Amino acid sequence: MTDPFENMSPAEVAAMAKRLEFTDEPVDPPIRTGPDTDPVLIPRSVKMTYDLDKACKRRAAELGLSQSAYIRSLIERDVAEGKAGEQRPAWVRDLLGVIARREHEDEHRQAS
């Protein structure tokens, strides 16, 4: 993500700051600086064994995902499944469909 203030002159930043109204009210949700379609991704450190890391990288590559996207998809699926009875967002249903098709293809290849 690029800095939204990178191409602004000091005068433009000062003019923008003059228009701001400061209060003690909490901001919820956090202010986003990027387009609404780009979610803010927060880095997390995950510790795993060497063998699990290798298997994770291999499985992510098989699915055409980065290792980070693969781990995120597993967490998203678990969170979605944990909300029994709640309607899943369309993107979660689509992602689960892709994963299920890939798993089915893998099983079919192994059985051949």
C-alpha atoms as a PDB file:
ATOM      1  CA  MET A   1       0.000   0.000   0.000  1.00  0.00           C
ATOM      2  CA  THR A   2       1.344   3.425  -0.864  1.00  0.00           C
ATOM      3  CA  ASP A   3       1.340   6.364   1.499  1.00  0.00           C
ATOM      4  CA  PRO A   4      -1.687   8.541   0.608  1.00  0.00           C
ATOM      5  CA  PHE A   5       0.240  11.660   1.674  1.00  0.00           C
ATOM      6  CA  GLU A   6       3.321  10.872  -0.425  1.00  0.00           C
ATOM      7  CA  ASN A   7       2.390  13.165  -3.321  1.00  0.00           C
ATOM      8  CA  MET A   8       0.871  15.949  -1.225  1.00  0.00           C
ATOM      9  CA  SER A   9       2.695  19.220  -0.703  1.00  0.00           C
ATOM     10  CA  PRO A  10       3.147  20.572   2.829  1.00  0.00           C
ATOM     11  CA  ALA A  11       0.554  23.251   2.031  1.00  0.00           C
ATOM     12  CA  GLU A  12      -1.980  20.582   0.968  1.00  0.00           C
ATOM     13  CA  VAL A  13      -1.385  18.591   4.155  1.00  0.00           C
ATOM     14  CA  ALA A  14      -1.772  21.762   6.249  1.00  0.00           C
ATOM     15  CA  ALA A  15      -5.009  22.667   4.444  1.00  0.00           C
ATOM     16  CA  MET A  16      -6.364  19.173   5.052  1.00  0.00           C
ATOM     17  CA  ALA A  17      -5.386  19.327   8.728  1.00  0.00           C
ATOM     18  CA  LYS A  18      -7.281  22.624   9.120  1.00  0.00           C
ATOM     19  CA  ARG A  19     -10.491  20.897   7.961  1.00  0.00           C
ATOM     20  CA  LEU A  20     -10.210  18.153  10.594  1.00  0.00           C
ATOM     21  CA  GLU A  21     -12.382  18.289  13.682  1.00  0.00           C
ATOM     22  CA  PHE A  22     -10.724  16.690  16.689  1.00  0.00           C
ATOM     23  CA  THR A  23     -12.862  15.058  19.384  1.00  0.00           C
ATOM     24  CA  ASP A  24     -12.339  12.579  22.197  1.00  0.00           C
ATOM     25  CA  GLU A  25     -14.861  10.184  20.651  1.00  0.00           C
ATOM     26  CA  PRO A  26     -13.500   6.715  19.809  1.00  0.00           C
ATOM     27  CA  VAL A  27     -13.295   5.805  16.143  1.00  0.00           C
ATOM     28  CA  ASP A  28     -14.943   2.496  15.333  1.00  0.00           C
ATOM     29  CA  PRO A  29     -14.236   0.925  12.889  1.00  0.00           C
ATOM     30  CA  PRO A  30     -10.687   2.133  12.304  1.00  0.00           C
ATOM     31  CA  ILE A  31     -10.192   4.691   9.557  1.00  0.00           C
ATOM     32  CA  ARG A  32      -9.143   3.103   6.273  1.00  0.00           C
ATOM     33  CA  THR A  33      -6.920   4.925   3.834  1.00  0.00           C
ATOM     34  CA  GLY A  34      -7.242   2.512   0.892  1.00  0.00           C
ATOM     35  CA  PRO A  35     -10.143   1.577  -1.363  1.00  0.00           C
ATOM     36  CA  ASP A  36     -13.039  -0.250   0.301  1.00  0.00           C
ATOM     37  CA  THR A  37     -12.242  -3.344  -1.762  1.00  0.00           C
ATOM     38  CA  ASP A  38      -8.756  -3.699  -0.282  1.00  0.00           C
ATOM     39  CA  PRO A  39      -8.997  -5.173   3.212  1.00  0.00           C
ATOM     40  CA  VAL A  40      -6.373  -4.143   5.710  1.00  0.00           C
ATOM     41  CA  LEU A  41      -4.167  -7.182   6.331  1.00  0.00           C
ATOM     42  CA  ILE A  42      -2.489  -7.421   9.707  1.00  0.00           C
ATOM     43  CA  PRO A  43       0.695  -9.502   9.830  1.00  0.00           C
ATOM     44  CA  ARG A  44       0.820 -12.301  12.393  1.00  0.00           C
ATOM     45  CA  SER A  45       3.670 -14.590  13.265  1.00  0.00           C
ATOM     46  CA  VAL A  46       2.776 -18.277  13.242  1.00  0.00           C
ATOM     47  CA  LYS A  47       5.165 -20.858  14.651  1.00  0.00           C
ATOM     48  CA  MET A  48       5.121 -24.356  13.216  1.00  0.00           C
ATOM     49  CA  THR A  49       7.451 -27.276  12.821  1.00  0.00           C
ATOM     50  CA  TYR A  50       9.734 -27.520   9.812  1.00  0.00           C
ATOM     51  CA  ASP A  51       7.756 -30.467   8.398  1.00  0.00           C
ATOM     52  CA  LEU A  52       4.428 -28.673   8.831  1.00  0.00           C
ATOM     53  CA  ASP A  53       5.864 -25.574   7.159  1.00  0.00           C
ATOM     54  CA  LYS A  54       7.057 -27.644   4.176  1.00  0.00           C
ATOM     55  CA  ALA A  55       3.660 -29.344   3.891  1.00  0.00           C
ATOM     56  CA  CYS A  56       1.906 -25.987   4.175  1.00  0.00           C
ATOM     57  CA  LYS A  57       4.040 -24.476   1.389  1.00  0.00           C
ATOM     58  CA  ARG A  58       3.480 -27.511  -0.823  1.00  0.00           C
ATOM     59  CA  ARG A  59      -0.309 -27.489  -0.293  1.00  0.00           C
ATOM     60  CA  ALA A  60      -0.507 -23.735  -0.876  1.00  0.00           C
ATOM     61  CA  ALA A  61       1.410 -24.148  -4.152  1.00  0.00           C
ATOM     62  CA  GLU A  62      -0.924 -26.960  -5.221  1.00  0.00           C
ATOM     63  CA  LEU A  63      -3.888 -24.630  -4.654  1.00  0.00           C
ATOM     64  CA  GLY A  64      -2.179 -21.749  -6.437  1.00  0.00           C
ATOM     65  CA  LEU A  65      -2.080 -19.665  -3.260  1.00  0.00           C
ATOM     66  CA  SER A  66       0.644 -17.996  -1.280  1.00  0.00           C
ATOM     67  CA  GLN A  67       1.354 -19.632   2.043  1.00  0.00           C
ATOM     68  CA  SER A  68      -0.161 -16.615   3.781  1.00  0.00           C
ATOM     69  CA  ALA A  69      -3.349 -16.781   1.682  1.00  0.00           C
ATOM     70  CA  TYR A  70      -3.615 -20.525   2.314  1.00  0.00           C
ATOM     71  CA  ILE A  71      -3.310 -20.137   6.096  1.00  0.00           C
ATOM     72  CA  ARG A  72      -5.768 -17.220   5.995  1.00  0.00           C
ATOM     73  CA  SER A  73      -8.262 -19.349   4.015  1.00  0.00           C
ATOM     74  CA  LEU A  74      -8.083 -22.098   6.640  1.00  0.00           C
ATOM     75  CA  ILE A  75      -8.714 -19.614   9.443  1.00  0.00           C
ATOM     76  CA  GLU A  76     -11.567 -17.992   7.511  1.00  0.00           C
ATOM     77  CA  ARG A  77     -13.147 -21.393   6.890  1.00  0.00           C
ATOM     78  CA  ASP A  78     -12.882 -22.381  10.546  1.00  0.00           C
ATOM     79  CA  VAL A  79     -14.326 -19.053  11.696  1.00  0.00           C
ATOM     80  CA  ALA A  80     -17.165 -19.344   9.165  1.00  0.00           C
ATOM     81  CA  GLU A  81     -17.931 -22.934  10.197  1.00  0.00           C
ATOM     82  CA  GLY A  82     -17.819 -21.919  13.848  1.00  0.00           C
ATOM     83  CA  LYS A  83     -20.740 -19.567  13.293  1.00  0.00           C
ATOM     84  CA  ALA A  84     -23.281 -22.355  12.913  1.00  0.00           C
ATOM     85  CA  GLY A  85     -26.589 -21.172  11.566  1.00  0.00           C
ATOM     86  CA  GLU A  86     -25.270 -17.814  10.365  1.00  0.00           C
ATOM     87  CA  GLN A  87     -25.236 -17.075   6.646  1.00  0.00           C
ATOM     88  CA  ARG A  88     -21.693 -17.061   5.289  1.00  0.00           C
ATOM     89  CA  PRO A  89     -20.602 -14.177   3.068  1.00  0.00           C
ATOM     90  CA  ALA A  90     -20.544 -15.008  -0.649  1.00  0.00           C
ATOM     91  CA  TRP A  91     -16.743 -14.791  -0.814  1.00  0.00           C
ATOM     92  CA  VAL A  92     -16.451 -17.427   1.942  1.00  0.00           C
ATOM     93  CA  ARG A  93     -18.874 -19.741   0.148  1.00  0.00           C
ATOM     94  CA  ASP A  94     -16.934 -19.263  -3.113  1.00  0.00           C
ATOM     95  CA  LEU A  95     -13.613 -19.941  -1.409  1.00  0.00           C
ATOM     96  CA  LEU A  96     -14.936 -23.065   0.294  1.00  0.00           C
ATOM     97  CA  GLY A  97     -16.280 -24.243  -3.071  1.00  0.00           C
ATOM     98  CA  VAL A  98     -12.860 -23.819  -4.699  1.00  0.00           C
ATOM     99  CA  ILE A  99     -11.166 -25.677  -1.834  1.00  0.00           C
ATOM    100  CA  ALA A 100     -13.720 -28.492  -1.962  1.00  0.00           C
ATOM    101  CA  ARG A 101     -13.268 -28.874  -5.746  1.00  0.00           C
ATOM    102  CA  ARG A 102      -9.483 -28.966  -5.351  1.00  0.00           C
ATOM    103  CA  GLU A 103      -9.723 -31.561  -2.591  1.00  0.00           C
ATOM    104  CA  HIS A 104     -12.091 -33.648  -4.736  1.00  0.00           C
ATOM    105  CA  GLU A 105      -9.699 -33.408  -7.712  1.00  0.00           C
ATOM    106  CA  ASP A 106      -6.777 -34.444  -5.504  1.00  0.00           C
ATOM    107  CA  GLU A 107      -8.700 -37.422  -4.129  1.00  0.00           C
ATOM    108  CA  HIS A 108      -9.766 -38.447  -7.636  1.00  0.00           C
ATOM    109  CA  ARG A 109      -6.155 -38.253  -8.904  1.00  0.00           C
ATOM    110  CA  GLN A 110      -4.891 -40.346  -5.976  1.00  0.00           C
ATOM    111  CA  ALA A 111      -7.564 -42.992  -6.554  1.00  0.00           C
ATOM    112  CA  SER A 112      -6.605 -43.360 -10.258  1.00  0.00           C
END
